[in-house]
Amino acid sequence: ANEVDTTIPDCANPGGAVQRTAEPGIVNRTFSGSGKF
């Protein structure tokens, strides 16, 4: 699944460390194979 960035800096402590957050976006389902025809 793609990651959708939901990171928001802390308004009460704008100089502090920013915690990265995300939620799932578009999902992907892929099957791959190889072999003898």
PDB file of all heavy atoms in Angstrom:
ATOM      1  N   ALA A   1       0.848  -1.185   0.000  1.00  0.00           N
ATOM      2  CA  ALA A   1       0.000   0.000   0.000  1.00  0.00           C
ATOM      3  C   ALA A   1       0.884   1.236   0.000  1.00  0.00           C
ATOM      4  O   ALA A   1       1.947   1.249   0.622  1.00  0.00           O
ATOM      5  CB  ALA A   1      -0.916   0.015   1.215  1.00  0.00           C
ATOM      6  N   ASN A   2       0.452   2.268  -0.721  1.00  0.00           N
ATOM      7  CA  ASN A   2       1.157   3.543  -0.677  1.00  0.00           C
ATOM      8  C   ASN A   2       1.004   4.156   0.703  1.00  0.00           C
ATOM      9  O   ASN A   2       0.004   3.928   1.388  1.00  0.00           O
ATOM     10  CB  ASN A   2       0.599   4.508  -1.718  1.00  0.00           C
ATOM     11  CG  ASN A   2       0.927   4.097  -3.131  1.00  0.00           C
ATOM     12  OD1 ASN A   2       1.823   3.307  -3.370  1.00  0.00           O
ATOM     13  ND2 ASN A   2       0.180   4.640  -4.072  1.00  0.00           N
ATOM     14  N   GLU A   3       1.976   4.950   1.088  1.00  0.00           N
ATOM     15  CA  GLU A   3       1.896   5.672   2.349  1.00  0.00           C
ATOM     16  C   GLU A   3       1.422   7.101   2.074  1.00  0.00           C
ATOM     17  O   GLU A   3       2.000   7.797   1.245  1.00  0.00           O
ATOM     18  CB  GLU A   3       3.264   5.746   3.024  1.00  0.00           C
ATOM     19  CG  GLU A   3       3.805   4.416   3.454  1.00  0.00           C
ATOM     20  CD  GLU A   3       5.175   4.545   4.103  1.00  0.00           C
ATOM     21  OE1 GLU A   3       5.532   5.645   4.576  1.00  0.00           O
ATOM     22  OE2 GLU A   3       5.894   3.543   4.124  1.00  0.00           O
ATOM     23  N   VAL A   4       0.376   7.527   2.775  1.00  0.00           N
ATOM     24  CA  VAL A   4      -0.106   8.895   2.690  1.00  0.00           C
ATOM     25  C   VAL A   4       0.414   9.619   3.926  1.00  0.00           C
ATOM     26  O   VAL A   4       0.087   9.241   5.058  1.00  0.00           O
ATOM     27  CB  VAL A   4      -1.648   8.954   2.632  1.00  0.00           C
ATOM     28  CG1 VAL A   4      -2.126  10.395   2.633  1.00  0.00           C
ATOM     29  CG2 VAL A   4      -2.154   8.203   1.414  1.00  0.00           C
ATOM     30  N   ASP A   5       1.238  10.642   3.720  1.00  0.00           N
ATOM     31  CA  ASP A   5       1.864  11.366   4.823  1.00  0.00           C
ATOM     32  C   ASP A   5       0.811  12.180   5.585  1.00  0.00           C
ATOM     33  O   ASP A   5       0.077  12.974   4.999  1.00  0.00           O
ATOM     34  CB  ASP A   5       2.951  12.292   4.275  1.00  0.00           C
ATOM     35  CG  ASP A   5       3.773  12.959   5.360  1.00  0.00           C
ATOM     36  OD1 ASP A   5       3.522  12.705   6.558  1.00  0.00           O
ATOM     37  OD2 ASP A   5       4.682  13.739   5.008  1.00  0.00           O
ATOM     38  N   THR A   6       0.728  11.968   6.884  1.00  0.00           N
ATOM     39  CA  THR A   6      -0.198  12.713   7.745  1.00  0.00           C
ATOM     40  C   THR A   6       0.553  13.476   8.839  1.00  0.00           C
ATOM     41  O   THR A   6      -0.032  13.855   9.849  1.00  0.00           O
ATOM     42  CB  THR A   6      -1.223  11.755   8.392  1.00  0.00           C
ATOM     43  OG1 THR A   6      -0.527  10.774   9.165  1.00  0.00           O
ATOM     44  CG2 THR A   6      -2.092  11.076   7.341  1.00  0.00           C
ATOM     45  N   THR A   7       1.851  13.699   8.624  1.00  0.00           N
ATOM     46  CA  THR A   7       2.698  14.334   9.622  1.00  0.00           C
ATOM     47  C   THR A   7       2.299  15.791   9.836  1.00  0.00           C
ATOM     48  O   THR A   7       2.154  16.543   8.878  1.00  0.00           O
ATOM     49  CB  THR A   7       4.179  14.276   9.195  1.00  0.00           C
ATOM     50  OG1 THR A   7       4.510  12.916   8.924  1.00  0.00           O
ATOM     51  CG2 THR A   7       5.093  14.847  10.251  1.00  0.00           C
ATOM     52  N   ILE A   8       2.122  16.158  11.111  1.00  0.00           N
ATOM     53  CA  ILE A   8       1.827  17.539  11.495  1.00  0.00           C
ATOM     54  C   ILE A   8       2.759  17.895  12.657  1.00  0.00           C
ATOM     55  O   ILE A   8       2.785  17.184  13.670  1.00  0.00           O
ATOM     56  CB  ILE A   8       0.356  17.711  11.936  1.00  0.00           C
ATOM     57  CG1 ILE A   8      -0.586  17.331  10.787  1.00  0.00           C
ATOM     58  CG2 ILE A   8       0.101  19.136  12.419  1.00  0.00           C
ATOM     59  CD1 ILE A   8      -2.037  17.318  11.176  1.00  0.00           C
ATOM     60  N   PRO A   9       3.539  18.996  12.539  1.00  0.00           N
ATOM     61  CA  PRO A   9       4.378  19.401  13.653  1.00  0.00           C
ATOM     62  C   PRO A   9       3.525  19.749  14.880  1.00  0.00           C
ATOM     63  O   PRO A   9       2.376  20.168  14.758  1.00  0.00           O
ATOM     64  CB  PRO A   9       5.103  20.645  13.132  1.00  0.00           C
ATOM     65  CG  PRO A   9       4.976  20.582  11.642  1.00  0.00           C
ATOM     66  CD  PRO A   9       3.700  19.855  11.373  1.00  0.00           C
ATOM     67  N   ASP A  10       4.098  19.543  16.046  1.00  0.00           N
ATOM     68  CA  ASP A  10       3.417  19.844  17.306  1.00  0.00           C
ATOM     69  C   ASP A  10       3.274  21.358  17.446  1.00  0.00           C
ATOM     70  O   ASP A  10       4.275  22.086  17.551  1.00  0.00           O
ATOM     71  CB  ASP A  10       4.223  19.264  18.467  1.00  0.00           C
ATOM     72  CG  ASP A  10       3.535  19.406  19.803  1.00  0.00           C
ATOM     73  OD1 ASP A  10       2.545  20.165  19.902  1.00  0.00           O
ATOM     74  OD2 ASP A  10       3.993  18.763  20.756  1.00  0.00           O
ATOM     75  N   CYS A  11       2.047  21.867  17.454  1.00  0.00           N
ATOM     76  CA  CYS A  11       1.808  23.301  17.551  1.00  0.00           C
ATOM     77  C   CYS A  11       2.237  23.865  18.906  1.00  0.00           C
ATOM     78  O   CYS A  11       2.646  25.017  19.008  1.00  0.00           O
ATOM     79  CB  CYS A  11       0.333  23.611  17.300  1.00  0.00           C
ATOM     80  SG  CYS A  11      -0.161  23.299  15.599  1.00  0.00           S
ATOM     81  N   ALA A  12       2.142  23.050  19.956  1.00  0.00           N
ATOM     82  CA  ALA A  12       2.527  23.512  21.292  1.00  0.00           C
ATOM     83  C   ALA A  12       4.040  23.539  21.457  1.00  0.00           C
ATOM     84  O   ALA A  12       4.555  24.286  22.293  1.00  0.00           O
ATOM     85  CB  ALA A  12       1.905  22.609  22.360  1.00  0.00           C
ATOM     86  N   ASN A  13       4.757  22.751  20.683  1.00  0.00           N
ATOM     87  CA  ASN A  13       6.214  22.694  20.771  1.00  0.00           C
ATOM     88  C   ASN A  13       6.797  22.634  19.360  1.00  0.00           C
ATOM     89  O   ASN A  13       7.318  21.607  18.938  1.00  0.00           O
ATOM     90  CB  ASN A  13       6.651  21.481  21.599  1.00  0.00           C
ATOM     91  CG  ASN A  13       8.149  21.418  21.791  1.00  0.00           C
ATOM     92  OD1 ASN A  13       8.860  22.377  21.530  1.00  0.00           O
ATOM     93  ND2 ASN A  13       8.624  20.269  22.247  1.00  0.00           N
ATOM     94  N   PRO A  14       6.722  23.740  18.581  1.00  0.00           N
ATOM     95  CA  PRO A  14       7.158  23.719  17.182  1.00  0.00           C
ATOM     96  C   PRO A  14       8.638  23.442  16.992  1.00  0.00           C
ATOM     97  O   PRO A  14       9.049  23.009  15.924  1.00  0.00           O
ATOM     98  CB  PRO A  14       6.785  25.092  16.644  1.00  0.00           C
ATOM     99  CG  PRO A  14       6.517  25.941  17.830  1.00  0.00           C
ATOM    100  CD  PRO A  14       6.205  25.041  18.980  1.00  0.00           C
ATOM    101  N   GLY A  15       9.457  23.639  18.014  1.00  0.00           N
ATOM    102  CA  GLY A  15      10.886  23.377  17.902  1.00  0.00           C
ATOM    103  C   GLY A  15      11.255  21.952  18.225  1.00  0.00           C
ATOM    104  O   GLY A  15      12.397  21.532  18.026  1.00  0.00           O
ATOM    105  N   GLY A  16      10.326  21.169  18.724  1.00  0.00           N
ATOM    106  CA  GLY A  16      10.598  19.791  19.113  1.00  0.00           C
ATOM    107  C   GLY A  16      10.681  18.849  17.928  1.00  0.00           C
ATOM    108  O   GLY A  16      10.428  19.224  16.783  1.00  0.00           O
ATOM    109  N   ALA A  17      11.041  17.629  18.234  1.00  0.00           N
ATOM    110  CA  ALA A  17      11.113  16.600  17.198  1.00  0.00           C
ATOM    111  C   ALA A  17       9.735  16.373  16.586  1.00  0.00           C
ATOM    112  O   ALA A  17       8.720  16.403  17.285  1.00  0.00           O
ATOM    113  CB  ALA A  17      11.638  15.298  17.793  1.00  0.00           C
ATOM    114  N   VAL A  18       9.718  16.172  15.288  1.00  0.00           N
ATOM    115  CA  VAL A  18       8.466  15.925  14.568  1.00  0.00           C
ATOM    116  C   VAL A  18       8.327  14.422  14.348  1.00  0.00           C
ATOM    117  O   VAL A  18       9.221  13.789  13.788  1.00  0.00           O
ATOM    118  CB  VAL A  18       8.444  16.678  13.220  1.00  0.00           C
ATOM    119  CG1 VAL A  18       7.169  16.365  12.454  1.00  0.00           C
ATOM    120  CG2 VAL A  18       8.593  18.173  13.438  1.00  0.00           C
ATOM    121  N   GLN A  19       7.221  13.868  14.821  1.00  0.00           N
ATOM    122  CA  GLN A  19       6.950  12.446  14.628  1.00  0.00           C
ATOM    123  C   GLN A  19       6.277  12.246  13.276  1.00  0.00           C
ATOM    124  O   GLN A  19       5.203  12.804  13.032  1.00  0.00           O
ATOM    125  CB  GLN A  19       6.043  11.909  15.733  1.00  0.00           C
ATOM    126  CG  GLN A  19       5.563  10.485  15.523  1.00  0.00           C
ATOM    127  CD  GLN A  19       6.698   9.477  15.560  1.00  0.00           C
ATOM    128  OE1 GLN A  19       7.463   9.454  16.514  1.00  0.00           O
ATOM    129  NE2 GLN A  19       6.799   8.651  14.520  1.00  0.00           N
ATOM    130  N   ARG A  20       6.913  11.481  12.417  1.00  0.00           N
ATOM    131  CA  ARG A  20       6.317  11.175  11.121  1.00  0.00           C
ATOM    132  C   ARG A  20       5.157  10.222  11.335  1.00  0.00           C
ATOM    133  O   ARG A  20       5.259   9.240  12.067  1.00  0.00           O
ATOM    134  CB  ARG A  20       7.345  10.521  10.201  1.00  0.00           C
ATOM    135  CG  ARG A  20       6.786  10.235   8.819  1.00  0.00           C
ATOM    136  CD  ARG A  20       7.798   9.443   7.984  1.00  0.00           C
ATOM    137  NE  ARG A  20       7.295   9.175   6.673  1.00  0.00           N
ATOM    138  CZ  ARG A  20       6.394   8.228   6.374  1.00  0.00           C
ATOM    139  NH1 ARG A  20       5.911   7.460   7.311  1.00  0.00           N
ATOM    140  NH2 ARG A  20       5.986   8.041   5.125  1.00  0.00           N
ATOM    141  N   THR A  21       4.038  10.508  10.680  1.00  0.00           N
ATOM    142  CA  THR A  21       2.874   9.625  10.711  1.00  0.00           C
ATOM    143  C   THR A  21       2.378   9.412   9.285  1.00  0.00           C
ATOM    144  O   THR A  21       2.641  10.224   8.396  1.00  0.00           O
ATOM    145  CB  THR A  21       1.734  10.197  11.585  1.00  0.00           C
ATOM    146  OG1 THR A  21       1.327  11.459  11.048  1.00  0.00           O
ATOM    147  CG2 THR A  21       2.178  10.374  13.035  1.00  0.00           C
ATOM    148  N   ALA A  22       1.665   8.329   9.091  1.00  0.00           N
ATOM    149  CA  ALA A  22       1.139   8.014   7.766  1.00  0.00           C
ATOM    150  C   ALA A  22      -0.097   7.152   7.919  1.00  0.00           C
ATOM    151  O   ALA A  22      -0.367   6.601   8.989  1.00  0.00           O
ATOM    152  CB  ALA A  22       2.184   7.295   6.928  1.00  0.00           C
ATOM    153  N   GLU A  23      -0.849   7.052   6.827  1.00  0.00           N
ATOM    154  CA  GLU A  23      -1.975   6.121   6.756  1.00  0.00           C
ATOM    155  C   GLU A  23      -1.916   5.436   5.398  1.00  0.00           C
ATOM    156  O   GLU A  23      -1.276   5.943   4.476  1.00  0.00           O
ATOM    157  CB  GLU A  23      -3.303   6.834   6.986  1.00  0.00           C
ATOM    158  CG  GLU A  23      -3.649   7.892   5.960  1.00  0.00           C
ATOM    159  CD  GLU A  23      -4.916   8.652   6.310  1.00  0.00           C
ATOM    160  OE1 GLU A  23      -5.226   8.781   7.502  1.00  0.00           O
ATOM    161  OE2 GLU A  23      -5.587   9.104   5.381  1.00  0.00           O
ATOM    162  N   PRO A  24      -2.576   4.285   5.286  1.00  0.00           N
ATOM    163  CA  PRO A  24      -2.508   3.569   4.004  1.00  0.00           C
ATOM    164  C   PRO A  24      -3.268   4.295   2.903  1.00  0.00           C
ATOM    165  O   PRO A  24      -4.328   4.874   3.138  1.00  0.00           O
ATOM    166  CB  PRO A  24      -3.135   2.212   4.312  1.00  0.00           C
ATOM    167  CG  PRO A  24      -3.937   2.414   5.554  1.00  0.00           C
ATOM    168  CD  PRO A  24      -3.325   3.560   6.293  1.00  0.00           C
ATOM    169  N   GLY A  25      -2.684   4.249   1.723  1.00  0.00           N
ATOM    170  CA  GLY A  25      -3.316   4.831   0.541  1.00  0.00           C
ATOM    171  C   GLY A  25      -3.751   3.734  -0.416  1.00  0.00           C
ATOM    172  O   GLY A  25      -4.344   2.736  -0.010  1.00  0.00           O
ATOM    173  N   ILE A  26      -3.393   3.886  -1.654  1.00  0.00           N
ATOM    174  CA  ILE A  26      -3.774   2.935  -2.691  1.00  0.00           C
ATOM    175  C   ILE A  26      -3.083   1.599  -2.432  1.00  0.00           C
ATOM    176  O   ILE A  26      -1.883   1.550  -2.218  1.00  0.00           O
ATOM    177  CB  ILE A  26      -3.386   3.467  -4.082  1.00  0.00           C
ATOM    178  CG1 ILE A  26      -4.154   4.761  -4.365  1.00  0.00           C
ATOM    179  CG2 ILE A  26      -3.651   2.424  -5.163  1.00  0.00           C
ATOM    180  CD1 ILE A  26      -3.680   5.476  -5.621  1.00  0.00           C
ATOM    181  N   VAL A  27      -3.870   0.517  -2.449  1.00  0.00           N
ATOM    182  CA  VAL A  27      -3.295  -0.817  -2.258  1.00  0.00           C
ATOM    183  C   VAL A  27      -2.894  -1.399  -3.616  1.00  0.00           C
ATOM    184  O   VAL A  27      -3.469  -1.051  -4.647  1.00  0.00           O
ATOM    185  CB  VAL A  27      -4.256  -1.778  -1.522  1.00  0.00           C
ATOM    186  CG1 VAL A  27      -4.564  -1.261  -0.133  1.00  0.00           C
ATOM    187  CG2 VAL A  27      -5.522  -2.003  -2.298  1.00  0.00           C
ATOM    188  N   ASN A  28      -1.904  -2.282  -3.592  1.00  0.00           N
ATOM    189  CA  ASN A  28      -1.392  -2.904  -4.801  1.00  0.00           C
ATOM    190  C   ASN A  28      -1.336  -4.416  -4.578  1.00  0.00           C
ATOM    191  O   ASN A  28      -0.848  -4.873  -3.540  1.00  0.00           O
ATOM    192  CB  ASN A  28       0.002  -2.363  -5.119  1.00  0.00           C
ATOM    193  CG  ASN A  28       0.557  -2.941  -6.402  1.00  0.00           C
ATOM    194  OD1 ASN A  28      -0.159  -3.187  -7.360  1.00  0.00           O
ATOM    195  ND2 ASN A  28       1.854  -3.167  -6.417  1.00  0.00           N
ATOM    196  N   ARG A  29      -1.829  -5.173  -5.536  1.00  0.00           N
ATOM    197  CA  ARG A  29      -1.756  -6.627  -5.507  1.00  0.00           C
ATOM    198  C   ARG A  29      -1.187  -7.065  -6.848  1.00  0.00           C
ATOM    199  O   ARG A  29      -1.796  -6.837  -7.903  1.00  0.00           O
ATOM    200  CB  ARG A  29      -3.135  -7.265  -5.299  1.00  0.00           C
ATOM    201  CG  ARG A  29      -3.877  -6.771  -4.054  1.00  0.00           C
ATOM    202  CD  ARG A  29      -3.151  -7.172  -2.780  1.00  0.00           C
ATOM    203  NE  ARG A  29      -3.865  -6.778  -1.589  1.00  0.00           N
ATOM    204  CZ  ARG A  29      -3.465  -5.808  -0.761  1.00  0.00           C
ATOM    205  NH1 ARG A  29      -2.387  -5.110  -1.030  1.00  0.00           N
ATOM    206  NH2 ARG A  29      -4.148  -5.538   0.326  1.00  0.00           N
ATOM    207  N   THR A  30       0.002  -7.680  -6.819  1.00  0.00           N
ATOM    208  CA  THR A  30       0.694  -8.074  -8.041  1.00  0.00           C
ATOM    209  C   THR A  30       1.234  -9.485  -7.900  1.00  0.00           C
ATOM    210  O   THR A  30       1.872  -9.807  -6.896  1.00  0.00           O
ATOM    211  CB  THR A  30       1.868  -7.106  -8.322  1.00  0.00           C
ATOM    212  OG1 THR A  30       1.380  -5.776  -8.348  1.00  0.00           O
ATOM    213  CG2 THR A  30       2.522  -7.423  -9.651  1.00  0.00           C
ATOM    214  N   PHE A  31       0.978 -10.317  -8.903  1.00  0.00           N
ATOM    215  CA  PHE A  31       1.541 -11.668  -8.974  1.00  0.00           C
ATOM    216  C   PHE A  31       2.564 -11.677 -10.099  1.00  0.00           C
ATOM    217  O   PHE A  31       2.272 -11.232 -11.208  1.00  0.00           O
ATOM    218  CB  PHE A  31       0.444 -12.702  -9.257  1.00  0.00           C
ATOM    219  CG  PHE A  31       0.952 -14.120  -9.316  1.00  0.00           C
ATOM    220  CD1 PHE A  31       0.978 -14.901  -8.171  1.00  0.00           C
ATOM    221  CD2 PHE A  31       1.409 -14.668 -10.502  1.00  0.00           C
ATOM    222  CE1 PHE A  31       1.443 -16.209  -8.209  1.00  0.00           C
ATOM    223  CE2 PHE A  31       1.884 -15.974 -10.557  1.00  0.00           C
ATOM    224  CZ  PHE A  31       1.896 -16.745  -9.399  1.00  0.00           C
ATOM    225  N   SER A  32       3.756 -12.184  -9.819  1.00  0.00           N
ATOM    226  CA  SER A  32       4.795 -12.319 -10.846  1.00  0.00           C
ATOM    227  C   SER A  32       5.260 -13.760 -10.879  1.00  0.00           C
ATOM    228  O   SER A  32       5.322 -14.421  -9.836  1.00  0.00           O
ATOM    229  CB  SER A  32       5.994 -11.423 -10.531  1.00  0.00           C
ATOM    230  OG  SER A  32       5.608 -10.075 -10.537  1.00  0.00           O
ATOM    231  N   GLY A  33       5.594 -14.218 -12.067  1.00  0.00           N
ATOM    232  CA  GLY A  33       6.091 -15.575 -12.188  1.00  0.00           C
ATOM    233  C   GLY A  33       6.981 -15.728 -13.399  1.00  0.00           C
ATOM    234  O   GLY A  33       6.888 -14.971 -14.361  1.00  0.00           O
ATOM    235  N   SER A  34       7.845 -16.725 -13.319  1.00  0.00           N
ATOM    236  CA  SER A  34       8.686 -17.066 -14.458  1.00  0.00           C
ATOM    237  C   SER A  34       8.860 -18.572 -14.480  1.00  0.00           C
ATOM    238  O   SER A  34       8.689 -19.255 -13.466  1.00  0.00           O
ATOM    239  CB  SER A  34      10.041 -16.360 -14.373  1.00  0.00           C
ATOM    240  OG  SER A  34      10.743 -16.782 -13.231  1.00  0.00           O
ATOM    241  N   GLY A  35       9.205 -19.071 -15.646  1.00  0.00           N
ATOM    242  CA  GLY A  35       9.401 -20.510 -15.766  1.00  0.00           C
ATOM    243  C   GLY A  35       9.545 -20.936 -17.202  1.00  0.00           C
ATOM    244  O   GLY A  35       9.900 -20.148 -18.070  1.00  0.00           O
ATOM    245  N   LYS A  36       9.247 -22.201 -17.435  1.00  0.00           N
ATOM    246  CA  LYS A  36       9.340 -22.797 -18.761  1.00  0.00           C
ATOM    247  C   LYS A  36       7.991 -22.672 -19.451  1.00  0.00           C
ATOM    248  O   LYS A  36       6.957 -23.037 -18.894  1.00  0.00           O
ATOM    249  CB  LYS A  36       9.723 -24.283 -18.663  1.00  0.00           C
ATOM    250  CG  LYS A  36      11.009 -24.536 -17.919  1.00  0.00           C
ATOM    251  CD  LYS A  36      12.187 -23.903 -18.622  1.00  0.00           C
ATOM    252  CE  LYS A  36      13.483 -24.172 -17.879  1.00  0.00           C
ATOM    253  NZ  LYS A  36      14.570 -23.347 -18.369  1.00  0.00           N
ATOM    254  N   PHE A  37       7.996 -22.104 -20.664  1.00  0.00           N
ATOM    255  CA  PHE A  37       6.737 -21.931 -21.382  1.00  0.00           C
ATOM    256  C   PHE A  37       6.177 -23.290 -21.756  1.00  0.00           C
ATOM    257  O   PHE A  37       6.868 -24.136 -22.325  1.00  0.00           O
ATOM    258  CB  PHE A  37       6.916 -21.071 -22.627  1.00  0.00           C
ATOM    259  CG  PHE A  37       5.627 -20.774 -23.308  1.00  0.00           C
ATOM    260  CD1 PHE A  37       4.740 -19.861 -22.762  1.00  0.00           C
ATOM    261  CD2 PHE A  37       5.278 -21.421 -24.481  1.00  0.00           C
ATOM    262  CE1 PHE A  37       3.527 -19.585 -23.385  1.00  0.00           C
ATOM    263  CE2 PHE A  37       4.075 -21.158 -25.102  1.00  0.00           C
ATOM    264  CZ  PHE A  37       3.199 -20.241 -24.552  1.00  0.00           C
TER     265      PHE A  37
END
